[in-house]
Amino acid sequence: MQPKNIPMKILIIDNNHPLLQSGLEKLGCICEKDFTSTKLQIEEKISKYEGVVIRSRFNIDQQFLDKASNLKFIARVGAGLESIDEEYAKKKGVCLISAPEGNRNAVGEHALGMILSLFNNLKKADLEIRDGKWLREANRGIELEGKTVGIIGYGNMGKAFAKKLKGFDVEVICYDIKEDVGDENCKQVSLEELQEKANVLSLHTPFNKLSHNMINDTFINNFKHPFYLINTARGSAVVTDDLVEALINKKVLGACLDVLEYEKLSFENLFENDTLPEAFNYLIHAENVLLSPHIAGWTVESNIKLAQTIVNKVDAEFFSEKTSEIKPEIKRVTGIGGLFFKTENPVKLKEWYKNHLGFNTDDWGCTFWWKDKEGKSASTQWSPFKNDTTYFSPSTKEYMFNYRVDNLLELIVKLKEEGVTIIGEVEEYDYGKFGWILDPDGNKIELWEPIDASFL
């Protein structure tokens, strides 16, 4: 924690919302701005500062970090840290701060806006009307409904895009190198399944070795169906020459590109030289390509939110009192997950409930959907079992309740400590974890830590 009587000196080297500087100064920091000095000139004085705030003006490399002998943190007002030598900075004990929470909503809206615009020929139709042409049939669009949208990279940005898609009656699937990132808005699948099913592919990957040139001819050819591409991540993820070839061959039906591999590091200018690449020349003349100048995430609101996110994180890291961690009371039952009961003929009974009460029955019974306190989709299962089932054992009762829980393994440990009878071991499936206990009346109770998204 920063000593209260010693102000932290911070150098801001990129232009940002005024809230950022005023917020840091309210924390007691001394802020100085330098938007014009070269990297070498800043290196000569960087040892005087404990914090640096940047966007993407230049790379912060080992040479810079060696000169920054008193540096405590680097804050990048953006989603990624690609302009910083992260490994070396961490070795030097420098805290790295980014702000993907600040512009994720803007990125999600931009990606959605681009694909809807492309599907409905809005750019083309607008230009034609301005040119005196009123062409309805030539601008007949297609709908997003019923399609499968694949997302690669399910972090802040991918999640924001999936959330925006909730009202469009689409299947949303994602691939990510991290496990268990799927949620109620998106089902995590293998890359092979994504390439088999996706009609639209949206990239939300960070800049790294894995994502560099990821979308190439081999990757594109592995898709079962022609697809539309959205890239609001980094231009380096797509080999533009291969994309153009796929557009010509109609393996890619259209592209929404907010980023291009030709961009400079600063994102302020497109090209390192004045020569237009042949592939880019194709893109700017293609009617099935929509381009924007790296502005996904670049809104009035995100400008404010990015700045505030940086201030909040600096505050949390260096200024807020860090109280000793008190473990919160464990969450127990969060809802009813299922009602199970015995019957002579489950098939006949399900048919009766379907015909007379409108139950949408399947092999297991009927699933009822509702929203939890956080607005997430949750389910409760109604299931009849045959009279001779052993699933309710050792209970002799004609029924069994399933209760939804937040953290099954933690709860089972707690229940053991409290002397509750535990039956068997925890079992794990694609749709969640299950455990069983007995209550004082001998009722068998099933505890379920659900993955509701697996049913969607």
Protein backbone atom coordinates (compact mmCIF):
# COMPACT_ATOMS: atom_id res chain seq x y z
CA MET A 1 0.00 0.00 0.00
CA GLN A 2 1.23 3.48 -0.87
CA PRO A 3 2.26 5.47 2.24
CA LYS A 4 -0.29 8.23 2.86
CA ASN A 5 2.33 10.93 3.39
CA ILE A 6 4.22 10.15 0.17
CA PRO A 7 2.32 11.01 -3.03
CA MET A 8 2.74 8.66 -5.98
CA LYS A 9 4.15 10.37 -9.07
CA ILE A 10 2.55 9.25 -12.33
CA LEU A 11 3.44 10.00 -15.95
CA ILE A 12 0.55 10.01 -18.45
CA ILE A 13 1.98 9.58 -21.95
CA ASP A 14 -1.23 9.27 -24.01
CA ASN A 15 -4.27 11.49 -24.20
CA ASN A 16 -7.23 10.12 -22.21
CA HIS A 17 -10.48 11.26 -20.66
CA PRO A 18 -9.88 14.00 -18.02
CA LEU A 19 -11.58 11.79 -15.45
CA LEU A 20 -8.49 9.61 -15.38
CA GLN A 21 -6.12 12.34 -14.22
CA SER A 22 -8.63 13.90 -11.84
CA GLY A 23 -9.43 10.49 -10.36
CA LEU A 24 -5.77 9.70 -9.74
CA GLU A 25 -5.21 13.12 -8.21
CA LYS A 26 -8.11 12.54 -5.83
CA LEU A 27 -6.21 9.49 -4.64
CA GLY A 28 -3.32 11.79 -3.81
CA CYS A 29 -1.19 11.14 -6.90
CA ILE A 30 0.86 13.77 -8.67
CA CYS A 31 0.17 13.46 -12.40
CA GLU A 32 2.31 14.84 -15.20
CA LYS A 33 1.52 14.60 -18.92
CA ASP A 34 3.92 14.18 -21.83
CA PHE A 35 2.32 13.47 -25.19
CA THR A 36 5.17 14.66 -27.42
CA SER A 37 8.54 13.37 -26.16
CA THR A 38 10.12 10.43 -27.91
CA LYS A 39 10.50 7.07 -26.20
CA LEU A 40 14.18 7.76 -25.62
CA GLN A 41 13.42 11.14 -24.07
CA ILE A 42 10.88 9.59 -21.73
CA GLU A 43 13.34 6.87 -20.77
CA GLU A 44 15.76 9.57 -19.59
CA LYS A 45 13.29 10.77 -16.96
CA ILE A 46 11.14 7.71 -16.24
CA SER A 47 13.08 6.86 -13.06
CA LYS A 48 11.31 9.81 -11.36
CA TYR A 49 7.91 8.12 -11.70
CA GLU A 50 6.19 5.27 -9.88
CA GLY A 51 3.36 4.88 -12.37
CA VAL A 52 2.89 5.14 -16.13
CA VAL A 53 -0.43 5.43 -17.96
CA ILE A 54 -0.38 4.57 -21.68
CA ARG A 55 -2.61 3.52 -24.54
CA SER A 56 -0.48 2.37 -27.47
CA ARG A 57 1.98 5.13 -28.26
CA PHE A 58 5.07 2.92 -28.15
CA ASN A 59 6.30 -0.42 -26.83
CA ILE A 60 7.39 -0.68 -23.24
CA ASP A 61 10.32 -3.08 -23.53
CA GLN A 62 13.21 -4.28 -21.36
CA GLN A 63 15.23 -1.14 -22.06
CA PHE A 64 12.40 1.07 -20.88
CA LEU A 65 11.75 -1.06 -17.81
CA ASP A 66 15.43 -1.07 -16.83
CA LYS A 67 15.40 2.72 -16.90
CA ALA A 68 12.19 2.82 -14.81
CA SER A 69 13.91 1.93 -11.56
CA ASN A 70 11.09 3.16 -9.29
CA LEU A 71 8.13 2.00 -11.35
CA LYS A 72 5.32 0.32 -9.40
CA PHE A 73 2.69 0.00 -12.11
CA ILE A 74 1.91 0.40 -15.80
CA ALA A 75 -1.73 1.06 -16.62
CA ARG A 76 -2.89 0.61 -20.20
CA VAL A 77 -6.17 2.34 -21.02
CA GLY A 78 -7.44 -0.49 -23.19
CA ALA A 79 -8.22 -4.17 -23.17
CA GLY A 80 -4.83 -5.77 -23.81
CA LEU A 81 -1.21 -5.48 -22.72
CA GLU A 82 0.46 -6.36 -26.02
CA SER A 83 2.59 -3.20 -26.11
CA ILE A 84 4.28 -4.21 -22.83
CA ASP A 85 6.91 -6.88 -22.21
CA GLU A 86 4.69 -8.55 -19.62
CA GLU A 87 7.10 -11.26 -18.55
CA TYR A 88 9.98 -8.88 -17.91
CA ALA A 89 7.72 -6.34 -16.18
CA LYS A 90 6.50 -8.99 -13.76
CA LYS A 91 10.09 -10.05 -13.06
CA LYS A 92 10.81 -6.45 -12.14
CA GLY A 93 7.83 -6.47 -9.76
CA VAL A 94 5.80 -4.00 -11.84
CA CYS A 95 2.03 -4.33 -11.51
CA LEU A 96 0.27 -4.40 -14.91
CA ILE A 97 -3.22 -2.95 -15.17
CA SER A 98 -5.60 -3.04 -18.14
CA ALA A 99 -9.26 -2.16 -18.52
CA PRO A 100 -11.20 -4.65 -20.68
CA GLU A 101 -14.23 -4.06 -18.48
CA GLY A 102 -14.33 -0.48 -19.73
CA ASN A 103 -15.01 -1.12 -23.41
CA ARG A 104 -16.41 -4.64 -23.59
CA ASN A 105 -20.00 -3.45 -23.99
CA ALA A 106 -19.00 -1.12 -26.82
CA VAL A 107 -17.19 -3.96 -28.59
CA GLY A 108 -20.22 -6.25 -28.25
CA GLU A 109 -22.53 -3.60 -29.69
CA HIS A 110 -20.13 -2.81 -32.53
CA ALA A 111 -19.75 -6.45 -33.56
CA LEU A 112 -23.51 -6.92 -33.56
CA GLY A 113 -24.05 -3.68 -35.47
CA MET A 114 -21.55 -4.69 -38.15
CA ILE A 115 -23.04 -8.10 -38.86
CA LEU A 116 -26.61 -6.73 -38.95
CA SER A 117 -25.49 -3.98 -41.29
CA LEU A 118 -23.76 -6.48 -43.58
CA PHE A 119 -26.70 -8.90 -43.55
CA ASN A 120 -29.12 -6.11 -44.49
CA ASN A 121 -26.91 -4.34 -47.06
CA LEU A 122 -27.22 -1.06 -45.16
CA LYS A 123 -23.99 0.51 -46.42
CA LYS A 124 -24.69 -0.41 -50.04
CA ALA A 125 -28.34 0.66 -49.89
CA ASP A 126 -27.51 3.97 -48.25
CA LEU A 127 -24.93 4.84 -50.91
CA GLU A 128 -27.33 3.85 -53.71
CA ILE A 129 -30.12 6.05 -52.36
CA ARG A 130 -27.73 8.99 -52.14
CA ASP A 131 -26.92 8.27 -55.79
CA GLY A 132 -30.61 8.35 -56.75
CA LYS A 133 -31.13 4.57 -56.89
CA TRP A 134 -34.06 2.88 -55.13
CA LEU A 135 -33.23 -0.84 -55.41
CA ARG A 136 -35.30 -3.03 -53.12
CA GLU A 137 -34.83 -6.52 -54.56
CA ALA A 138 -31.09 -5.99 -55.09
CA ASN A 139 -30.81 -5.23 -51.36
CA ARG A 140 -32.89 -8.12 -50.00
CA GLY A 141 -31.16 -9.09 -46.75
CA ILE A 142 -30.76 -12.21 -44.67
CA GLU A 143 -31.67 -12.78 -41.03
CA LEU A 144 -29.53 -13.68 -38.06
CA GLU A 145 -32.28 -15.81 -36.51
CA GLY A 146 -31.72 -19.55 -36.67
CA LYS A 147 -28.00 -19.31 -37.38
CA THR A 148 -25.10 -20.55 -35.27
CA VAL A 149 -22.68 -17.89 -34.13
CA GLY A 150 -19.23 -19.13 -33.16
CA ILE A 151 -17.00 -17.06 -30.90
CA ILE A 152 -13.27 -17.62 -30.54
CA GLY A 153 -11.97 -16.08 -27.33
CA TYR A 154 -14.57 -16.06 -24.56
CA GLY A 155 -13.27 -13.37 -22.22
CA ASN A 156 -14.66 -9.92 -21.56
CA MET A 157 -15.32 -9.10 -25.22
CA GLY A 158 -16.63 -12.49 -26.28
CA LYS A 159 -19.00 -12.60 -23.32
CA ALA A 160 -20.29 -9.10 -24.10
CA PHE A 161 -21.04 -10.09 -27.70
CA ALA A 162 -22.80 -13.30 -26.64
CA LYS A 163 -24.95 -11.32 -24.21
CA LYS A 164 -26.02 -9.00 -27.03
CA LEU A 165 -27.12 -12.01 -29.10
CA LYS A 166 -29.58 -13.30 -26.48
CA GLY A 167 -32.66 -11.84 -28.17
CA PHE A 168 -31.90 -13.03 -31.70
CA ASP A 169 -32.86 -16.72 -31.44
CA VAL A 170 -29.42 -17.92 -32.47
CA GLU A 171 -27.25 -20.72 -31.17
CA VAL A 172 -24.10 -19.26 -29.64
CA ILE A 173 -21.04 -21.47 -29.18
CA CYS A 174 -17.47 -20.61 -28.25
CA TYR A 175 -13.96 -22.00 -28.33
CA ASP A 176 -11.36 -20.89 -25.81
CA ILE A 177 -8.02 -22.32 -24.66
CA LYS A 178 -9.26 -21.98 -21.08
CA GLU A 179 -11.64 -24.63 -19.79
CA ASP A 180 -15.10 -24.07 -18.30
CA VAL A 181 -15.66 -20.53 -19.61
CA GLY A 182 -19.09 -21.22 -21.09
CA ASP A 183 -22.10 -19.66 -19.41
CA GLU A 184 -25.85 -19.20 -19.80
CA ASN A 185 -25.29 -17.16 -22.98
CA CYS A 186 -22.88 -19.48 -24.76
CA LYS A 187 -21.93 -23.15 -24.87
CA GLN A 188 -18.22 -23.96 -24.94
CA VAL A 189 -17.27 -26.50 -27.60
CA SER A 190 -14.16 -27.88 -29.27
CA LEU A 191 -12.65 -26.00 -32.19
CA GLU A 192 -13.68 -28.88 -34.45
CA GLU A 193 -17.33 -28.58 -33.40
CA LEU A 194 -17.27 -24.81 -33.86
CA GLN A 195 -15.87 -25.21 -37.38
CA GLU A 196 -18.53 -27.82 -38.14
CA LYS A 197 -21.52 -25.74 -36.98
CA ALA A 198 -20.77 -22.01 -37.25
CA ASN A 199 -22.46 -19.79 -39.84
CA VAL A 200 -20.90 -16.65 -38.33
CA LEU A 201 -17.46 -16.49 -36.70
CA SER A 202 -16.54 -13.62 -34.37
CA LEU A 203 -12.98 -13.16 -33.11
CA HIS A 204 -12.35 -11.85 -29.60
CA THR A 205 -8.82 -13.09 -28.98
CA PRO A 206 -5.96 -11.10 -27.42
CA PHE A 207 -2.75 -10.40 -29.31
CA ASN A 208 -0.39 -13.33 -28.71
CA LYS A 209 1.50 -16.10 -30.49
CA LEU A 210 -1.55 -18.37 -30.60
CA SER A 211 -3.80 -15.81 -32.25
CA HIS A 212 -1.20 -14.44 -34.70
CA ASN A 213 -2.20 -15.38 -38.28
CA MET A 214 -4.77 -17.79 -36.81
CA ILE A 215 -7.30 -17.21 -39.60
CA ASN A 216 -5.43 -18.58 -42.60
CA ASP A 217 -6.35 -20.77 -45.55
CA THR A 218 -6.01 -24.02 -43.55
CA PHE A 219 -8.22 -22.69 -40.76
CA ILE A 220 -10.85 -21.43 -43.21
CA ASN A 221 -10.90 -24.68 -45.19
CA ASN A 222 -11.65 -26.63 -42.00
CA PHE A 223 -15.12 -25.05 -41.80
CA LYS A 224 -17.91 -27.32 -42.95
CA HIS A 225 -20.04 -24.44 -44.25
CA PRO A 226 -19.22 -21.09 -45.83
CA PHE A 227 -19.37 -18.49 -43.05
CA TYR A 228 -19.29 -14.78 -42.26
CA LEU A 229 -16.30 -13.38 -40.36
CA ILE A 230 -16.31 -10.62 -37.73
CA ASN A 231 -12.99 -9.34 -36.40
CA THR A 232 -13.06 -6.71 -33.67
CA ALA A 233 -10.00 -8.16 -31.91
CA ARG A 234 -6.60 -7.66 -33.54
CA GLY A 235 -5.77 -7.39 -37.23
CA SER A 236 -2.81 -9.74 -36.85
CA ALA A 237 -5.22 -12.63 -36.20
CA VAL A 238 -6.22 -12.72 -39.89
CA VAL A 239 -4.01 -13.37 -42.90
CA THR A 240 -5.65 -10.87 -45.23
CA ASP A 241 -4.39 -12.50 -48.43
CA ASP A 242 -6.00 -15.80 -47.38
CA LEU A 243 -9.22 -14.05 -46.37
CA VAL A 244 -9.49 -12.36 -49.76
CA GLU A 245 -8.93 -15.68 -51.52
CA ALA A 246 -11.71 -17.21 -49.39
CA LEU A 247 -14.04 -14.30 -50.20
CA ILE A 248 -13.39 -14.80 -53.92
CA ASN A 249 -14.00 -18.55 -53.60
CA LYS A 250 -17.08 -17.90 -51.41
CA LYS A 251 -15.72 -19.99 -48.55
CA VAL A 252 -16.16 -16.78 -46.57
CA LEU A 253 -19.47 -15.15 -47.50
CA GLY A 254 -18.69 -11.73 -46.07
CA ALA A 255 -16.44 -9.98 -43.57
CA CYS A 256 -16.87 -7.30 -40.91
CA LEU A 257 -13.40 -5.97 -40.14
CA ASP A 258 -12.79 -3.34 -37.49
CA VAL A 259 -9.08 -4.19 -37.45
CA LEU A 260 -6.53 -4.95 -40.16
CA GLU A 261 -3.12 -6.54 -40.11
CA TYR A 262 -1.65 -3.44 -41.76
CA GLU A 263 -2.22 -1.22 -38.71
CA LYS A 264 0.60 0.43 -36.87
CA LEU A 265 1.12 -0.29 -33.18
CA SER A 266 -0.43 3.03 -32.17
CA PHE A 267 -3.64 2.21 -34.10
CA GLU A 268 -3.70 5.89 -35.13
CA ASN A 269 -2.52 5.24 -38.70
CA LEU A 270 -3.23 2.38 -41.03
CA PHE A 271 -0.05 1.84 -42.99
CA GLU A 272 3.67 1.83 -42.37
CA ASN A 273 4.13 3.09 -45.93
CA ASP A 274 2.08 4.67 -48.71
CA THR A 275 1.65 1.52 -50.81
CA LEU A 276 -1.79 -0.09 -50.64
CA PRO A 277 -1.54 -3.90 -50.45
CA GLU A 278 -3.39 -5.71 -53.18
CA ALA A 279 -5.56 -7.58 -50.67
CA PHE A 280 -6.62 -4.33 -49.00
CA ASN A 281 -7.50 -2.87 -52.39
CA TYR A 282 -9.87 -5.83 -52.86
CA LEU A 283 -11.48 -5.29 -49.44
CA ILE A 284 -12.29 -1.63 -49.97
CA HIS A 285 -14.11 -2.41 -53.22
CA ALA A 286 -15.98 -5.55 -52.07
CA GLU A 287 -19.70 -5.12 -51.40
CA ASN A 288 -19.70 -8.01 -48.92
CA VAL A 289 -17.01 -6.43 -46.74
CA LEU A 290 -17.69 -3.83 -44.05
CA LEU A 291 -14.75 -1.89 -42.62
CA SER A 292 -14.28 0.42 -39.64
CA PRO A 293 -11.07 2.06 -38.34
CA HIS A 294 -10.46 0.13 -35.10
CA ILE A 295 -13.36 1.83 -33.31
CA ALA A 296 -15.09 -1.16 -31.74
CA GLY A 297 -14.87 -0.17 -28.11
CA TRP A 298 -14.32 3.49 -29.06
CA THR A 299 -17.44 5.22 -27.76
CA VAL A 300 -18.22 8.27 -25.64
CA GLU A 301 -19.28 5.97 -22.82
CA SER A 302 -16.30 3.61 -23.06
CA ASN A 303 -13.91 6.57 -22.93
CA ILE A 304 -15.31 7.37 -19.50
CA LYS A 305 -15.55 3.77 -18.34
CA LEU A 306 -11.98 2.96 -19.40
CA ALA A 307 -10.64 5.90 -17.41
CA GLN A 308 -12.72 5.06 -14.35
CA THR A 309 -11.68 1.39 -14.50
CA ILE A 310 -7.99 2.37 -14.40
CA VAL A 311 -8.59 4.72 -11.44
CA ASN A 312 -10.51 2.02 -9.58
CA LYS A 313 -7.81 -0.59 -10.13
CA VAL A 314 -4.98 1.75 -9.07
CA ASP A 315 -7.02 2.61 -5.99
CA ALA A 316 -7.62 -1.05 -5.14
CA GLU A 317 -3.97 -2.01 -5.65
CA PHE A 318 -2.22 0.87 -3.91
CA PHE A 319 -4.56 3.00 -1.83
CA SER A 320 -7.56 1.10 -0.44
CA GLU A 321 -7.16 -0.50 2.95
CA LYS A 322 -6.81 -4.25 2.47
CA THR A 323 -8.61 -5.84 5.37
CA SER A 324 -7.82 -9.39 6.35
CA GLU A 325 -9.83 -11.73 4.22
CA ILE A 326 -12.94 -13.02 5.96
CA LYS A 327 -14.32 -16.10 4.31
CA PRO A 328 -17.97 -15.46 3.44
CA GLU A 329 -20.67 -17.76 4.72
CA ILE A 330 -21.03 -20.67 2.34
CA LYS A 331 -24.01 -20.56 0.00
CA ARG A 332 -26.27 -23.52 0.44
CA VAL A 333 -29.48 -24.25 -1.50
CA THR A 334 -30.23 -21.65 -4.20
CA GLY A 335 -33.41 -23.16 -5.63
CA ILE A 336 -35.34 -26.33 -6.44
CA GLY A 337 -33.58 -28.26 -9.18
CA GLY A 338 -36.01 -31.10 -9.59
CA LEU A 339 -38.99 -33.09 -8.35
CA PHE A 340 -38.69 -36.85 -8.87
CA PHE A 341 -41.41 -39.40 -7.99
CA LYS A 342 -42.36 -43.01 -8.60
CA THR A 343 -45.22 -44.18 -10.83
CA GLU A 344 -46.44 -47.40 -12.38
CA ASN A 345 -46.06 -46.17 -15.97
CA PRO A 346 -43.84 -43.08 -16.49
CA VAL A 347 -44.46 -42.98 -20.27
CA LYS A 348 -48.23 -42.97 -19.87
CA LEU A 349 -48.09 -40.40 -17.08
CA LYS A 350 -45.87 -38.05 -19.11
CA GLU A 351 -48.32 -38.31 -22.00
CA TRP A 352 -51.19 -37.33 -19.66
CA TYR A 353 -49.32 -34.28 -18.39
CA LYS A 354 -48.43 -33.33 -21.96
CA ASN A 355 -52.00 -33.61 -23.26
CA HIS A 356 -53.86 -32.08 -20.30
CA LEU A 357 -51.39 -29.67 -18.66
CA GLY A 358 -49.21 -28.74 -21.62
CA PHE A 359 -45.95 -30.16 -20.27
CA ASN A 360 -43.18 -30.12 -22.90
CA THR A 361 -42.06 -33.65 -22.10
CA ASP A 362 -39.01 -35.59 -23.25
CA ASP A 363 -37.30 -38.84 -22.22
CA TRP A 364 -36.46 -37.40 -18.79
CA GLY A 365 -39.71 -35.62 -18.04
CA CYS A 366 -40.11 -31.86 -18.39
CA THR A 367 -37.71 -28.94 -17.89
CA PHE A 368 -39.04 -25.64 -16.54
CA TRP A 369 -36.97 -22.50 -17.16
CA TRP A 370 -36.81 -19.42 -14.94
CA LYS A 371 -34.44 -16.59 -14.01
CA ASP A 372 -32.31 -16.47 -10.87
CA LYS A 373 -31.62 -13.30 -8.86
CA GLU A 374 -28.84 -12.31 -11.28
CA GLY A 375 -31.12 -12.68 -14.29
CA LYS A 376 -29.42 -15.87 -15.49
CA SER A 377 -31.38 -18.73 -17.04
CA ALA A 378 -31.98 -21.57 -14.58
CA SER A 379 -33.89 -24.84 -14.82
CA THR A 380 -36.00 -27.19 -12.69
CA GLN A 381 -36.62 -30.79 -13.76
CA TRP A 382 -39.89 -32.72 -13.32
CA SER A 383 -39.28 -36.48 -13.74
CA PRO A 384 -41.44 -39.57 -13.10
CA PHE A 385 -39.55 -42.82 -12.37
CA LYS A 386 -40.76 -46.43 -12.50
CA ASN A 387 -41.86 -47.90 -9.17
CA ASP A 388 -38.94 -50.34 -9.10
CA THR A 389 -36.27 -47.65 -9.47
CA THR A 390 -33.31 -47.81 -7.09
CA TYR A 391 -32.39 -44.19 -7.72
CA PHE A 392 -34.10 -43.05 -4.51
CA SER A 393 -32.31 -45.69 -2.37
CA PRO A 394 -31.61 -46.05 0.50
CA SER A 395 -34.77 -44.00 1.04
CA THR A 396 -38.03 -45.93 0.82
CA LYS A 397 -40.06 -42.82 0.01
CA GLU A 398 -42.03 -42.42 -3.22
CA TYR A 399 -40.33 -39.14 -4.10
CA MET A 400 -37.01 -37.30 -4.05
CA PHE A 401 -36.20 -33.62 -4.25
CA ASN A 402 -33.25 -32.15 -6.15
CA TYR A 403 -31.90 -28.86 -4.81
CA ARG A 404 -29.66 -26.47 -6.72
CA VAL A 405 -26.45 -25.39 -4.92
CA ASP A 406 -23.70 -22.93 -5.68
CA ASN A 407 -20.57 -24.94 -4.78
CA LEU A 408 -21.27 -28.62 -4.24
CA LEU A 409 -17.81 -29.79 -3.16
CA GLU A 410 -17.51 -27.04 -0.57
CA LEU A 411 -21.04 -27.72 0.70
CA ILE A 412 -20.43 -31.47 1.00
CA VAL A 413 -17.35 -30.81 3.15
CA LYS A 414 -19.39 -28.47 5.36
CA LEU A 415 -22.25 -30.94 5.69
CA LYS A 416 -19.82 -33.70 6.72
CA GLU A 417 -18.45 -31.42 9.41
CA GLU A 418 -22.02 -30.86 10.61
CA GLY A 419 -22.70 -34.61 10.86
CA VAL A 420 -25.05 -34.92 7.89
CA THR A 421 -25.23 -38.40 6.31
CA ILE A 422 -23.52 -38.34 2.90
CA ILE A 423 -24.46 -41.02 0.35
CA GLY A 424 -21.79 -42.11 -2.12
CA GLU A 425 -19.37 -39.81 -3.89
CA VAL A 426 -19.85 -36.65 -5.92
CA GLU A 427 -20.42 -37.41 -9.60
CA GLU A 428 -19.75 -35.00 -12.45
CA TYR A 429 -21.42 -34.77 -15.87
CA ASP A 430 -21.65 -32.27 -18.73
CA TYR A 431 -24.68 -30.71 -17.06
CA GLY A 432 -23.22 -30.37 -13.56
CA LYS A 433 -22.05 -32.02 -10.33
CA PHE A 434 -24.29 -34.23 -8.17
CA GLY A 435 -24.16 -35.35 -4.55
CA TRP A 436 -26.63 -37.07 -2.22
CA ILE A 437 -27.53 -36.81 1.47
CA LEU A 438 -30.20 -38.09 3.88
CA ASP A 439 -32.38 -35.83 6.04
CA PRO A 440 -33.51 -36.85 9.58
CA ASP A 441 -36.71 -38.43 8.16
CA GLY A 442 -34.74 -40.70 5.84
CA ASN A 443 -35.51 -38.73 2.69
CA LYS A 444 -32.78 -38.94 0.08
CA ILE A 445 -31.91 -35.48 -1.21
CA GLU A 446 -30.03 -34.84 -4.42
CA LEU A 447 -27.78 -31.78 -4.49
CA TRP A 448 -26.95 -30.34 -7.90
CA GLU A 449 -24.38 -27.75 -8.93
CA PRO A 450 -25.86 -27.07 -12.39
CA ILE A 451 -24.45 -26.08 -15.74
CA ASP A 452 -27.73 -24.79 -17.15
CA ALA A 453 -26.08 -23.72 -20.41
CA SER A 454 -25.64 -27.39 -21.38
CA PHE A 455 -29.44 -27.67 -21.82
CA LEU A 456 -29.72 -24.61 -24.06
